Amino acid sequence: RLSCAASGLTLSSYAMGWFRQAPGKERGFVAAITWSGGRTYY
């Protein structure tokens, strides 16, 4: 279970995402969530 703690931001209108990057590969999308509505994407 990964956690991401945000400081200095008001996140109500933001989207938060997770990306990953393996050695020698491009950074790729993993998942995202809208802060206010909680819509998720994978």
PDB file of all heavy atoms in Angstrom:
ATOM      1  N   ARG A   1       0.845  -1.177   0.000  1.00  0.00           N
ATOM      2  CA  ARG A   1       0.000   0.000   0.000  1.00  0.00           C
ATOM      3  C   ARG A   1       0.885   1.232   0.000  1.00  0.00           C
ATOM      4  O   ARG A   1       1.604   1.490   0.969  1.00  0.00           O
ATOM      5  CB  ARG A   1      -0.926   0.017   1.212  1.00  0.00           C
ATOM      6  CG  ARG A   1      -1.931   1.170   1.217  1.00  0.00           C
ATOM      7  CD  ARG A   1      -2.861   1.064   2.406  1.00  0.00           C
ATOM      8  NE  ARG A   1      -3.823   2.155   2.496  1.00  0.00           N
ATOM      9  CZ  ARG A   1      -5.008   2.164   1.899  1.00  0.00           C
ATOM     10  NH1 ARG A   1      -5.382   1.137   1.150  1.00  0.00           N
ATOM     11  NH2 ARG A   1      -5.825   3.202   2.053  1.00  0.00           N
ATOM     12  N   LEU A   2       0.826   1.989  -1.079  1.00  0.00           N
ATOM     13  CA  LEU A   2       1.595   3.208  -1.198  1.00  0.00           C
ATOM     14  C   LEU A   2       0.773   4.395  -0.728  1.00  0.00           C
ATOM     15  O   LEU A   2      -0.440   4.436  -0.911  1.00  0.00           O
ATOM     16  CB  LEU A   2       2.031   3.445  -2.642  1.00  0.00           C
ATOM     17  CG  LEU A   2       2.788   2.312  -3.337  1.00  0.00           C
ATOM     18  CD1 LEU A   2       3.209   2.756  -4.737  1.00  0.00           C
ATOM     19  CD2 LEU A   2       3.994   1.872  -2.521  1.00  0.00           C
ATOM     20  N   SER A   3       1.451   5.362  -0.144  1.00  0.00           N
ATOM     21  CA  SER A   3       0.815   6.591   0.295  1.00  0.00           C
ATOM     22  C   SER A   3       1.524   7.778  -0.324  1.00  0.00           C
ATOM     23  O   SER A   3       2.729   7.739  -0.563  1.00  0.00           O
ATOM     24  CB  SER A   3       0.859   6.719   1.820  1.00  0.00           C
ATOM     25  OG  SER A   3       0.170   5.662   2.447  1.00  0.00           O
ATOM     26  N   CYS A   4       0.777   8.823  -0.563  1.00  0.00           N
ATOM     27  CA  CYS A   4       1.328  10.078  -1.052  1.00  0.00           C
ATOM     28  C   CYS A   4       0.710  11.205  -0.249  1.00  0.00           C
ATOM     29  O   CYS A   4      -0.496  11.452  -0.357  1.00  0.00           O
ATOM     30  CB  CYS A   4       1.046  10.259  -2.543  1.00  0.00           C
ATOM     31  SG  CYS A   4       1.536  11.864  -3.212  1.00  0.00           S
ATOM     32  N   ALA A   5       1.519  11.859   0.546  1.00  0.00           N
ATOM     33  CA  ALA A   5       1.070  12.977   1.355  1.00  0.00           C
ATOM     34  C   ALA A   5       1.406  14.281   0.650  1.00  0.00           C
ATOM     35  O   ALA A   5       2.562  14.516   0.290  1.00  0.00           O
ATOM     36  CB  ALA A   5       1.717  12.932   2.730  1.00  0.00           C
ATOM     37  N   ALA A   6       0.409  15.116   0.466  1.00  0.00           N
ATOM     38  CA  ALA A   6       0.568  16.377  -0.244  1.00  0.00           C
ATOM     39  C   ALA A   6       0.625  17.538   0.732  1.00  0.00           C
ATOM     40  O   ALA A   6      -0.172  17.617   1.666  1.00  0.00           O
ATOM     41  CB  ALA A   6      -0.563  16.585  -1.237  1.00  0.00           C
ATOM     42  N   SER A   7       1.556  18.451   0.498  1.00  0.00           N
ATOM     43  CA  SER A   7       1.681  19.673   1.279  1.00  0.00           C
ATOM     44  C   SER A   7       1.690  20.866   0.344  1.00  0.00           C
ATOM     45  O   SER A   7       2.232  20.794  -0.765  1.00  0.00           O
ATOM     46  CB  SER A   7       2.957  19.667   2.119  1.00  0.00           C
ATOM     47  OG  SER A   7       2.988  18.568   3.010  1.00  0.00           O
ATOM     48  N   GLY A   8       1.124  21.973   0.792  1.00  0.00           N
ATOM     49  CA  GLY A   8       1.138  23.189   0.008  1.00  0.00           C
ATOM     50  C   GLY A   8       0.129  23.238  -1.119  1.00  0.00           C
ATOM     51  O   GLY A   8       0.216  24.110  -1.990  1.00  0.00           O
ATOM     52  N   LEU A   9      -0.823  22.325  -1.113  1.00  0.00           N
ATOM     53  CA  LEU A   9      -1.836  22.253  -2.158  1.00  0.00           C
ATOM     54  C   LEU A   9      -3.220  22.150  -1.541  1.00  0.00           C
ATOM     55  O   LEU A   9      -3.389  21.529  -0.495  1.00  0.00           O
ATOM     56  CB  LEU A   9      -1.621  21.049  -3.057  1.00  0.00           C
ATOM     57  CG  LEU A   9      -0.411  21.037  -3.986  1.00  0.00           C
ATOM     58  CD1 LEU A   9      -0.278  19.663  -4.625  1.00  0.00           C
ATOM     59  CD2 LEU A   9      -0.549  22.105  -5.055  1.00  0.00           C
ATOM     60  N   THR A  10      -4.165  22.760  -2.203  1.00  0.00           N
ATOM     61  CA  THR A  10      -5.570  22.516  -1.930  1.00  0.00           C
ATOM     62  C   THR A  10      -6.067  21.616  -3.041  1.00  0.00           C
ATOM     63  O   THR A  10      -6.081  22.003  -4.206  1.00  0.00           O
ATOM     64  CB  THR A  10      -6.374  23.814  -1.876  1.00  0.00           C
ATOM     65  OG1 THR A  10      -5.851  24.658  -0.851  1.00  0.00           O
ATOM     66  CG2 THR A  10      -7.837  23.522  -1.580  1.00  0.00           C
ATOM     67  N   LEU A  11      -6.477  20.431  -2.675  1.00  0.00           N
ATOM     68  CA  LEU A  11      -6.660  19.370  -3.649  1.00  0.00           C
ATOM     69  C   LEU A  11      -8.094  19.154  -4.101  1.00  0.00           C
ATOM     70  O   LEU A  11      -8.348  18.243  -4.884  1.00  0.00           O
ATOM     71  CB  LEU A  11      -6.115  18.058  -3.077  1.00  0.00           C
ATOM     72  CG  LEU A  11      -4.631  18.072  -2.710  1.00  0.00           C
ATOM     73  CD1 LEU A  11      -4.239  16.745  -2.081  1.00  0.00           C
ATOM     74  CD2 LEU A  11      -3.784  18.363  -3.931  1.00  0.00           C
ATOM     75  N   SER A  12      -9.011  19.975  -3.637  1.00  0.00           N
ATOM     76  CA  SER A  12     -10.419  19.712  -3.906  1.00  0.00           C
ATOM     77  C   SER A  12     -10.754  19.690  -5.390  1.00  0.00           C
ATOM     78  O   SER A  12     -11.660  18.968  -5.812  1.00  0.00           O
ATOM     79  CB  SER A  12     -11.299  20.735  -3.181  1.00  0.00           C
ATOM     80  OG  SER A  12     -11.003  22.058  -3.611  1.00  0.00           O
ATOM     81  N   SER A  13     -10.033  20.460  -6.183  1.00  0.00           N
ATOM     82  CA  SER A  13     -10.300  20.506  -7.615  1.00  0.00           C
ATOM     83  C   SER A  13      -9.205  19.847  -8.447  1.00  0.00           C
ATOM     84  O   SER A  13      -9.159  20.020  -9.654  1.00  0.00           O
ATOM     85  CB  SER A  13     -10.493  21.954  -8.067  1.00  0.00           C
ATOM     86  OG  SER A  13      -9.315  22.714  -7.854  1.00  0.00           O
ATOM     87  N   TYR A  14      -8.364  19.096  -7.795  1.00  0.00           N
ATOM     88  CA  TYR A  14      -7.230  18.476  -8.462  1.00  0.00           C
ATOM     89  C   TYR A  14      -7.529  17.045  -8.864  1.00  0.00           C
ATOM     90  O   TYR A  14      -8.500  16.440  -8.427  1.00  0.00           O
ATOM     91  CB  TYR A  14      -6.009  18.440  -7.533  1.00  0.00           C
ATOM     92  CG  TYR A  14      -5.409  19.772  -7.163  1.00  0.00           C
ATOM     93  CD1 TYR A  14      -5.942  20.962  -7.604  1.00  0.00           C
ATOM     94  CD2 TYR A  14      -4.287  19.815  -6.344  1.00  0.00           C
ATOM     95  CE1 TYR A  14      -5.382  22.169  -7.247  1.00  0.00           C
ATOM     96  CE2 TYR A  14      -3.712  21.017  -5.981  1.00  0.00           C
ATOM     97  CZ  TYR A  14      -4.267  22.189  -6.432  1.00  0.00           C
ATOM     98  OH  TYR A  14      -3.704  23.395  -6.069  1.00  0.00           O
ATOM     99  N   ALA A  15      -6.644  16.517  -9.686  1.00  0.00           N
ATOM    100  CA  ALA A  15      -6.538  15.088  -9.891  1.00  0.00           C
ATOM    101  C   ALA A  15      -5.185  14.633  -9.360  1.00  0.00           C
ATOM    102  O   ALA A  15      -4.179  15.324  -9.525  1.00  0.00           O
ATOM    103  CB  ALA A  15      -6.681  14.717 -11.363  1.00  0.00           C
ATOM    104  N   MET A  16      -5.171  13.480  -8.740  1.00  0.00           N
ATOM    105  CA  MET A  16      -3.943  12.889  -8.246  1.00  0.00           C
ATOM    106  C   MET A  16      -3.704  11.584  -8.977  1.00  0.00           C
ATOM    107  O   MET A  16      -4.637  10.803  -9.166  1.00  0.00           O
ATOM    108  CB  MET A  16      -4.014  12.635  -6.748  1.00  0.00           C
ATOM    109  CG  MET A  16      -4.199  13.893  -5.913  1.00  0.00           C
ATOM    110  SD  MET A  16      -2.715  14.946  -5.921  1.00  0.00           S
ATOM    111  CE  MET A  16      -1.544  13.883  -5.081  1.00  0.00           C
ATOM    112  N   GLY A  17      -2.468  11.374  -9.362  1.00  0.00           N
ATOM    113  CA  GLY A  17      -2.148  10.188 -10.132  1.00  0.00           C
ATOM    114  C   GLY A  17      -0.932   9.462  -9.610  1.00  0.00           C
ATOM    115  O   GLY A  17      -0.102  10.018  -8.884  1.00  0.00           O
ATOM    116  N   TRP A  18      -0.861   8.205  -9.986  1.00  0.00           N
ATOM    117  CA  TRP A  18       0.319   7.385  -9.758  1.00  0.00           C
ATOM    118  C   TRP A  18       0.892   6.973 -11.109  1.00  0.00           C
ATOM    119  O   TRP A  18       0.160   6.532 -11.997  1.00  0.00           O
ATOM    120  CB  TRP A  18      -0.016   6.130  -8.949  1.00  0.00           C
ATOM    121  CG  TRP A  18      -0.311   6.386  -7.508  1.00  0.00           C
ATOM    122  CD1 TRP A  18      -1.527   6.531  -6.921  1.00  0.00           C
ATOM    123  CD2 TRP A  18       0.654   6.509  -6.455  1.00  0.00           C
ATOM    124  NE1 TRP A  18      -1.400   6.743  -5.578  1.00  0.00           N
ATOM    125  CE2 TRP A  18      -0.060   6.733  -5.257  1.00  0.00           C
ATOM    126  CE3 TRP A  18       2.049   6.454  -6.405  1.00  0.00           C
ATOM    127  CZ2 TRP A  18       0.579   6.900  -4.029  1.00  0.00           C
ATOM    128  CZ3 TRP A  18       2.672   6.629  -5.187  1.00  0.00           C
ATOM    129  CH2 TRP A  18       1.943   6.845  -4.019  1.00  0.00           C
ATOM    130  N   PHE A  19       2.192   7.137 -11.221  1.00  0.00           N
ATOM    131  CA  PHE A  19       2.937   6.695 -12.384  1.00  0.00           C
ATOM    132  C   PHE A  19       4.082   5.805 -11.915  1.00  0.00           C
ATOM    133  O   PHE A  19       4.440   5.816 -10.736  1.00  0.00           O
ATOM    134  CB  PHE A  19       3.484   7.890 -13.169  1.00  0.00           C
ATOM    135  CG  PHE A  19       2.420   8.713 -13.841  1.00  0.00           C
ATOM    136  CD1 PHE A  19       1.641   9.603 -13.111  1.00  0.00           C
ATOM    137  CD2 PHE A  19       2.197   8.606 -15.201  1.00  0.00           C
ATOM    138  CE1 PHE A  19       0.663  10.367 -13.719  1.00  0.00           C
ATOM    139  CE2 PHE A  19       1.222   9.371 -15.825  1.00  0.00           C
ATOM    140  CZ  PHE A  19       0.450  10.242 -15.083  1.00  0.00           C
ATOM    141  N   ARG A  20       4.640   5.069 -12.835  1.00  0.00           N
ATOM    142  CA  ARG A  20       5.770   4.225 -12.473  1.00  0.00           C
ATOM    143  C   ARG A  20       6.779   4.192 -13.610  1.00  0.00           C
ATOM    144  O   ARG A  20       6.441   4.379 -14.776  1.00  0.00           O
ATOM    145  CB  ARG A  20       5.326   2.806 -12.116  1.00  0.00           C
ATOM    146  CG  ARG A  20       4.692   2.032 -13.259  1.00  0.00           C
ATOM    147  CD  ARG A  20       4.120   0.722 -12.746  1.00  0.00           C
ATOM    148  NE  ARG A  20       3.524  -0.074 -13.806  1.00  0.00           N
ATOM    149  CZ  ARG A  20       2.877  -1.215 -13.612  1.00  0.00           C
ATOM    150  NH1 ARG A  20       2.745  -1.702 -12.373  1.00  0.00           N
ATOM    151  NH2 ARG A  20       2.369  -1.879 -14.644  1.00  0.00           N
ATOM    152  N   GLN A  21       8.017   3.939 -13.243  1.00  0.00           N
ATOM    153  CA  GLN A  21       9.084   3.885 -14.217  1.00  0.00           C
ATOM    154  C   GLN A  21      10.088   2.812 -13.825  1.00  0.00           C
ATOM    155  O   GLN A  21      10.666   2.857 -12.743  1.00  0.00           O
ATOM    156  CB  GLN A  21       9.789   5.236 -14.342  1.00  0.00           C
ATOM    157  CG  GLN A  21      10.798   5.295 -15.469  1.00  0.00           C
ATOM    158  CD  GLN A  21      11.261   6.709 -15.750  1.00  0.00           C
ATOM    159  OE1 GLN A  21      11.196   7.583 -14.888  1.00  0.00           O
ATOM    160  NE2 GLN A  21      11.733   6.941 -16.961  1.00  0.00           N
ATOM    161  N   ALA A  22      10.267   1.869 -14.713  1.00  0.00           N
ATOM    162  CA  ALA A  22      11.270   0.835 -14.544  1.00  0.00           C
ATOM    163  C   ALA A  22      12.537   1.252 -15.275  1.00  0.00           C
ATOM    164  O   ALA A  22      12.485   2.054 -16.215  1.00  0.00           O
ATOM    165  CB  ALA A  22      10.758  -0.499 -15.080  1.00  0.00           C
ATOM    166  N   PRO A  23      13.687   0.722 -14.877  1.00  0.00           N
ATOM    167  CA  PRO A  23      14.936   1.083 -15.551  1.00  0.00           C
ATOM    168  C   PRO A  23      14.877   0.847 -17.048  1.00  0.00           C
ATOM    169  O   PRO A  23      14.464  -0.215 -17.506  1.00  0.00           O
ATOM    170  CB  PRO A  23      15.968   0.167 -14.884  1.00  0.00           C
ATOM    171  CG  PRO A  23      15.405  -0.112 -13.539  1.00  0.00           C
ATOM    172  CD  PRO A  23      13.914  -0.196 -13.756  1.00  0.00           C
ATOM    173  N   GLY A  24      15.267   1.855 -17.809  1.00  0.00           N
ATOM    174  CA  GLY A  24      15.287   1.748 -19.249  1.00  0.00           C
ATOM    175  C   GLY A  24      13.947   1.873 -19.929  1.00  0.00           C
ATOM    176  O   GLY A  24      13.867   1.702 -21.152  1.00  0.00           O
ATOM    177  N   LYS A  25      12.900   2.158 -19.180  1.00  0.00           N
ATOM    178  CA  LYS A  25      11.572   2.269 -19.753  1.00  0.00           C
ATOM    179  C   LYS A  25      10.984   3.644 -19.491  1.00  0.00           C
ATOM    180  O   LYS A  25      11.437   4.381 -18.620  1.00  0.00           O
ATOM    181  CB  LYS A  25      10.651   1.188 -19.181  1.00  0.00           C
ATOM    182  CG  LYS A  25      11.075  -0.232 -19.514  1.00  0.00           C
ATOM    183  CD  LYS A  25      10.078  -1.246 -19.015  1.00  0.00           C
ATOM    184  CE  LYS A  25      10.477  -2.655 -19.389  1.00  0.00           C
ATOM    185  NZ  LYS A  25       9.494  -3.654 -18.905  1.00  0.00           N
ATOM    186  N   GLU A  26       9.961   3.961 -20.265  1.00  0.00           N
ATOM    187  CA  GLU A  26       9.279   5.228 -20.094  1.00  0.00           C
ATOM    188  C   GLU A  26       8.440   5.228 -18.828  1.00  0.00           C
ATOM    189  O   GLU A  26       7.990   4.183 -18.358  1.00  0.00           O
ATOM    190  CB  GLU A  26       8.374   5.519 -21.293  1.00  0.00           C
ATOM    191  CG  GLU A  26       9.090   5.701 -22.612  1.00  0.00           C
ATOM    192  CD  GLU A  26       8.135   6.009 -23.746  1.00  0.00           C
ATOM    193  OE1 GLU A  26       6.906   6.021 -23.514  1.00  0.00           O
ATOM    194  OE2 GLU A  26       8.606   6.237 -24.868  1.00  0.00           O
ATOM    195  N   ARG A  27       8.243   6.410 -18.296  1.00  0.00           N
ATOM    196  CA  ARG A  27       7.327   6.568 -17.178  1.00  0.00           C
ATOM    197  C   ARG A  27       5.906   6.330 -17.673  1.00  0.00           C
ATOM    198  O   ARG A  27       5.461   6.945 -18.648  1.00  0.00           O
ATOM    199  CB  ARG A  27       7.470   7.960 -16.574  1.00  0.00           C
ATOM    200  CG  ARG A  27       6.578   8.224 -15.374  1.00  0.00           C
ATOM    201  CD  ARG A  27       6.960   9.539 -14.718  1.00  0.00           C
ATOM    202  NE  ARG A  27       6.946  10.636 -15.666  1.00  0.00           N
ATOM    203  CZ  ARG A  27       7.458  11.831 -15.427  1.00  0.00           C
ATOM    204  NH1 ARG A  27       8.048  12.082 -14.260  1.00  0.00           N
ATOM    205  NH2 ARG A  27       7.397  12.771 -16.349  1.00  0.00           N
ATOM    206  N   GLY A  28       5.190   5.464 -17.017  1.00  0.00           N
ATOM    207  CA  GLY A  28       3.869   5.087 -17.464  1.00  0.00           C
ATOM    208  C   GLY A  28       2.791   5.322 -16.424  1.00  0.00           C
ATOM    209  O   GLY A  28       3.036   5.294 -15.222  1.00  0.00           O
ATOM    210  N   PHE A  29       1.598   5.532 -16.913  1.00  0.00           N
ATOM    211  CA  PHE A  29       0.441   5.773 -16.061  1.00  0.00           C
ATOM    212  C   PHE A  29       0.017   4.508 -15.338  1.00  0.00           C
ATOM    213  O   PHE A  29       0.021   3.417 -15.913  1.00  0.00           O
ATOM    214  CB  PHE A  29      -0.709   6.293 -16.922  1.00  0.00           C
ATOM    215  CG  PHE A  29      -2.016   6.419 -16.196  1.00  0.00           C
ATOM    216  CD1 PHE A  29      -2.229   7.425 -15.278  1.00  0.00           C
ATOM    217  CD2 PHE A  29      -3.034   5.518 -16.439  1.00  0.00           C
ATOM    218  CE1 PHE A  29      -3.431   7.553 -14.612  1.00  0.00           C
ATOM    219  CE2 PHE A  29      -4.244   5.624 -15.788  1.00  0.00           C
ATOM    220  CZ  PHE A  29      -4.440   6.645 -14.872  1.00  0.00           C
ATOM    221  N   VAL A  30      -0.373   4.661 -14.091  1.00  0.00           N
ATOM    222  CA  VAL A  30      -0.863   3.550 -13.294  1.00  0.00           C
ATOM    223  C   VAL A  30      -2.323   3.762 -12.905  1.00  0.00           C
ATOM    224  O   VAL A  30      -3.185   2.942 -13.200  1.00  0.00           O
ATOM    225  CB  VAL A  30      -0.016   3.341 -12.030  1.00  0.00           C
ATOM    226  CG1 VAL A  30      -0.597   2.220 -11.173  1.00  0.00           C
ATOM    227  CG2 VAL A  30       1.431   3.039 -12.409  1.00  0.00           C
ATOM    228  N   ALA A  31      -2.600   4.863 -12.227  1.00  0.00           N
ATOM    229  CA  ALA A  31      -3.948   5.127 -11.734  1.00  0.00           C
ATOM    230  C   ALA A  31      -4.086   6.602 -11.406  1.00  0.00           C
ATOM    231  O   ALA A  31      -3.100   7.295 -11.174  1.00  0.00           O
ATOM    232  CB  ALA A  31      -4.260   4.283 -10.495  1.00  0.00           C
ATOM    233  N   ALA A  32      -5.325   7.084 -11.367  1.00  0.00           N
ATOM    234  CA  ALA A  32      -5.590   8.462 -11.005  1.00  0.00           C
ATOM    235  C   ALA A  32      -6.946   8.568 -10.343  1.00  0.00           C
ATOM    236  O   ALA A  32      -7.807   7.697 -10.517  1.00  0.00           O
ATOM    237  CB  ALA A  32      -5.527   9.379 -12.234  1.00  0.00           C
ATOM    238  N   ILE A  33      -7.122   9.647  -9.599  1.00  0.00           N
ATOM    239  CA  ILE A  33      -8.380   9.901  -8.922  1.00  0.00           C
ATOM    240  C   ILE A  33      -8.630  11.393  -8.893  1.00  0.00           C
ATOM    241  O   ILE A  33      -7.708  12.186  -8.681  1.00  0.00           O
ATOM    242  CB  ILE A  33      -8.377   9.298  -7.497  1.00  0.00           C
ATOM    243  CG1 ILE A  33      -9.761   9.402  -6.852  1.00  0.00           C
ATOM    244  CG2 ILE A  33      -7.316   9.953  -6.617  1.00  0.00           C
ATOM    245  CD1 ILE A  33      -9.895   8.571  -5.583  1.00  0.00           C
ATOM    246  N   THR A  34      -9.866  11.798  -9.134  1.00  0.00           N
ATOM    247  CA  THR A  34     -10.233  13.197  -8.970  1.00  0.00           C
ATOM    248  C   THR A  34     -10.533  13.449  -7.509  1.00  0.00           C
ATOM    249  O   THR A  34     -11.164  12.623  -6.839  1.00  0.00           O
ATOM    250  CB  THR A  34     -11.438  13.575  -9.843  1.00  0.00           C
ATOM    251  OG1 THR A  34     -12.589  12.810  -9.448  1.00  0.00           O
ATOM    252  CG2 THR A  34     -11.144  13.315 -11.312  1.00  0.00           C
ATOM    253  N   TRP A  35     -10.073  14.587  -6.997  1.00  0.00           N
ATOM    254  CA  TRP A  35     -10.153  14.802  -5.568  1.00  0.00           C
ATOM    255  C   TRP A  35     -11.566  15.032  -5.081  1.00  0.00           C
ATOM    256  O   TRP A  35     -11.972  14.507  -4.046  1.00  0.00           O
ATOM    257  CB  TRP A  35      -9.257  15.962  -5.155  1.00  0.00           C
ATOM    258  CG  TRP A  35      -8.790  15.827  -3.748  1.00  0.00           C
ATOM    259  CD1 TRP A  35      -9.194  16.550  -2.667  1.00  0.00           C
ATOM    260  CD2 TRP A  35      -7.844  14.870  -3.264  1.00  0.00           C
ATOM    261  NE1 TRP A  35      -8.555  16.115  -1.545  1.00  0.00           N
ATOM    262  CE2 TRP A  35      -7.717  15.081  -1.880  1.00  0.00           C
ATOM    263  CE3 TRP A  35      -7.085  13.865  -3.874  1.00  0.00           C
ATOM    264  CZ2 TRP A  35      -6.881  14.322  -1.092  1.00  0.00           C
ATOM    265  CZ3 TRP A  35      -6.247  13.109  -3.093  1.00  0.00           C
ATOM    266  CH2 TRP A  35      -6.150  13.337  -1.720  1.00  0.00           C
ATOM    267  N   SER A  36     -12.327  15.821  -5.812  1.00  0.00           N
ATOM    268  CA  SER A  36     -13.669  16.151  -5.362  1.00  0.00           C
ATOM    269  C   SER A  36     -14.666  15.035  -5.616  1.00  0.00           C
ATOM    270  O   SER A  36     -15.444  14.678  -4.735  1.00  0.00           O
ATOM    271  CB  SER A  36     -14.144  17.443  -6.030  1.00  0.00           C
ATOM    272  OG  SER A  36     -14.134  17.325  -7.447  1.00  0.00           O
ATOM    273  N   GLY A  37     -14.639  14.472  -6.806  1.00  0.00           N
ATOM    274  CA  GLY A  37     -15.623  13.470  -7.155  1.00  0.00           C
ATOM    275  C   GLY A  37     -15.213  12.037  -6.880  1.00  0.00           C
ATOM    276  O   GLY A  37     -16.074  11.152  -6.828  1.00  0.00           O
ATOM    277  N   GLY A  38     -13.918  11.806  -6.725  1.00  0.00           N
ATOM    278  CA  GLY A  38     -13.449  10.466  -6.460  1.00  0.00           C
ATOM    279  C   GLY A  38     -13.523   9.525  -7.647  1.00  0.00           C
ATOM    280  O   GLY A  38     -13.495   8.303  -7.459  1.00  0.00           O
ATOM    281  N   ARG A  39     -13.628  10.060  -8.844  1.00  0.00           N
ATOM    282  CA  ARG A  39     -13.610   9.197 -10.020  1.00  0.00           C
ATOM    283  C   ARG A  39     -12.221   8.617 -10.206  1.00  0.00           C
ATOM    284  O   ARG A  39     -11.221   9.319 -10.052  1.00  0.00           O
ATOM    285  CB  ARG A  39     -14.033   9.981 -11.265  1.00  0.00           C
ATOM    286  CG  ARG A  39     -15.515  10.369 -11.262  1.00  0.00           C
ATOM    287  CD  ARG A  39     -15.910  11.032 -12.567  1.00  0.00           C
ATOM    288  NE  ARG A  39     -15.305  12.344 -12.699  1.00  0.00           N
ATOM    289  CZ  ARG A  39     -15.851  13.467 -12.266  1.00  0.00           C
ATOM    290  NH1 ARG A  39     -17.048  13.441 -11.677  1.00  0.00           N
ATOM    291  NH2 ARG A  39     -15.228  14.612 -12.437  1.00  0.00           N
ATOM    292  N   THR A  40     -12.176   7.366 -10.549  1.00  0.00           N
ATOM    293  CA  THR A  40     -10.905   6.665 -10.655  1.00  0.00           C
ATOM    294  C   THR A  40     -10.647   6.194 -12.071  1.00  0.00           C
ATOM    295  O   THR A  40     -11.573   5.914 -12.832  1.00  0.00           O
ATOM    296  CB  THR A  40     -10.855   5.470  -9.697  1.00  0.00           C
ATOM    297  OG1 THR A  40     -11.939   4.578  -9.985  1.00  0.00           O
ATOM    298  CG2 THR A  40     -10.966   5.936  -8.255  1.00  0.00           C
ATOM    299  N   TYR A  41      -9.380   6.082 -12.381  1.00  0.00           N
ATOM    300  CA  TYR A  41      -8.927   5.644 -13.696  1.00  0.00           C
ATOM    301  C   TYR A  41      -7.735   4.730 -13.497  1.00  0.00           C
ATOM    302  O   TYR A  41      -6.896   4.968 -12.629  1.00  0.00           O
ATOM    303  CB  TYR A  41      -8.534   6.845 -14.563  1.00  0.00           C
ATOM    304  CG  TYR A  41      -9.608   7.896 -14.661  1.00  0.00           C
ATOM    305  CD1 TYR A  41      -9.682   8.917 -13.717  1.00  0.00           C
ATOM    306  CD2 TYR A  41     -10.557   7.865 -15.673  1.00  0.00           C
ATOM    307  CE1 TYR A  41     -10.674   9.885 -13.783  1.00  0.00           C
ATOM    308  CE2 TYR A  41     -11.548   8.822 -15.755  1.00  0.00           C
ATOM    309  CZ  TYR A  41     -11.601   9.831 -14.806  1.00  0.00           C
ATOM    310  OH  TYR A  41     -12.587  10.788 -14.885  1.00  0.00           O
ATOM    311  N   TYR A  42      -7.651   3.693 -14.323  1.00  0.00           N
ATOM    312  CA  TYR A  42      -6.589   2.711 -14.182  1.00  0.00           C
ATOM    313  C   TYR A  42      -6.017   2.328 -15.530  1.00  0.00           C
ATOM    314  O   TYR A  42      -6.736   2.257 -16.529  1.00  0.00           O
ATOM    315  CB  TYR A  42      -7.107   1.443 -13.504  1.00  0.00           C
ATOM    316  CG  TYR A  42      -7.590   1.650 -12.096  1.00  0.00           C
ATOM    317  CD1 TYR A  42      -8.933   1.865 -11.826  1.00  0.00           C
ATOM    318  CD2 TYR A  42      -6.699   1.619 -11.036  1.00  0.00           C
ATOM    319  CE1 TYR A  42      -9.379   2.054 -10.532  1.00  0.00           C
ATOM    320  CE2 TYR A  42      -7.139   1.809  -9.734  1.00  0.00           C
ATOM    321  CZ  TYR A  42      -8.483   2.024  -9.492  1.00  0.00           C
ATOM    322  OH  TYR A  42      -8.923   2.210  -8.203  1.00  0.00           O
TER     323      TYR A  42
END
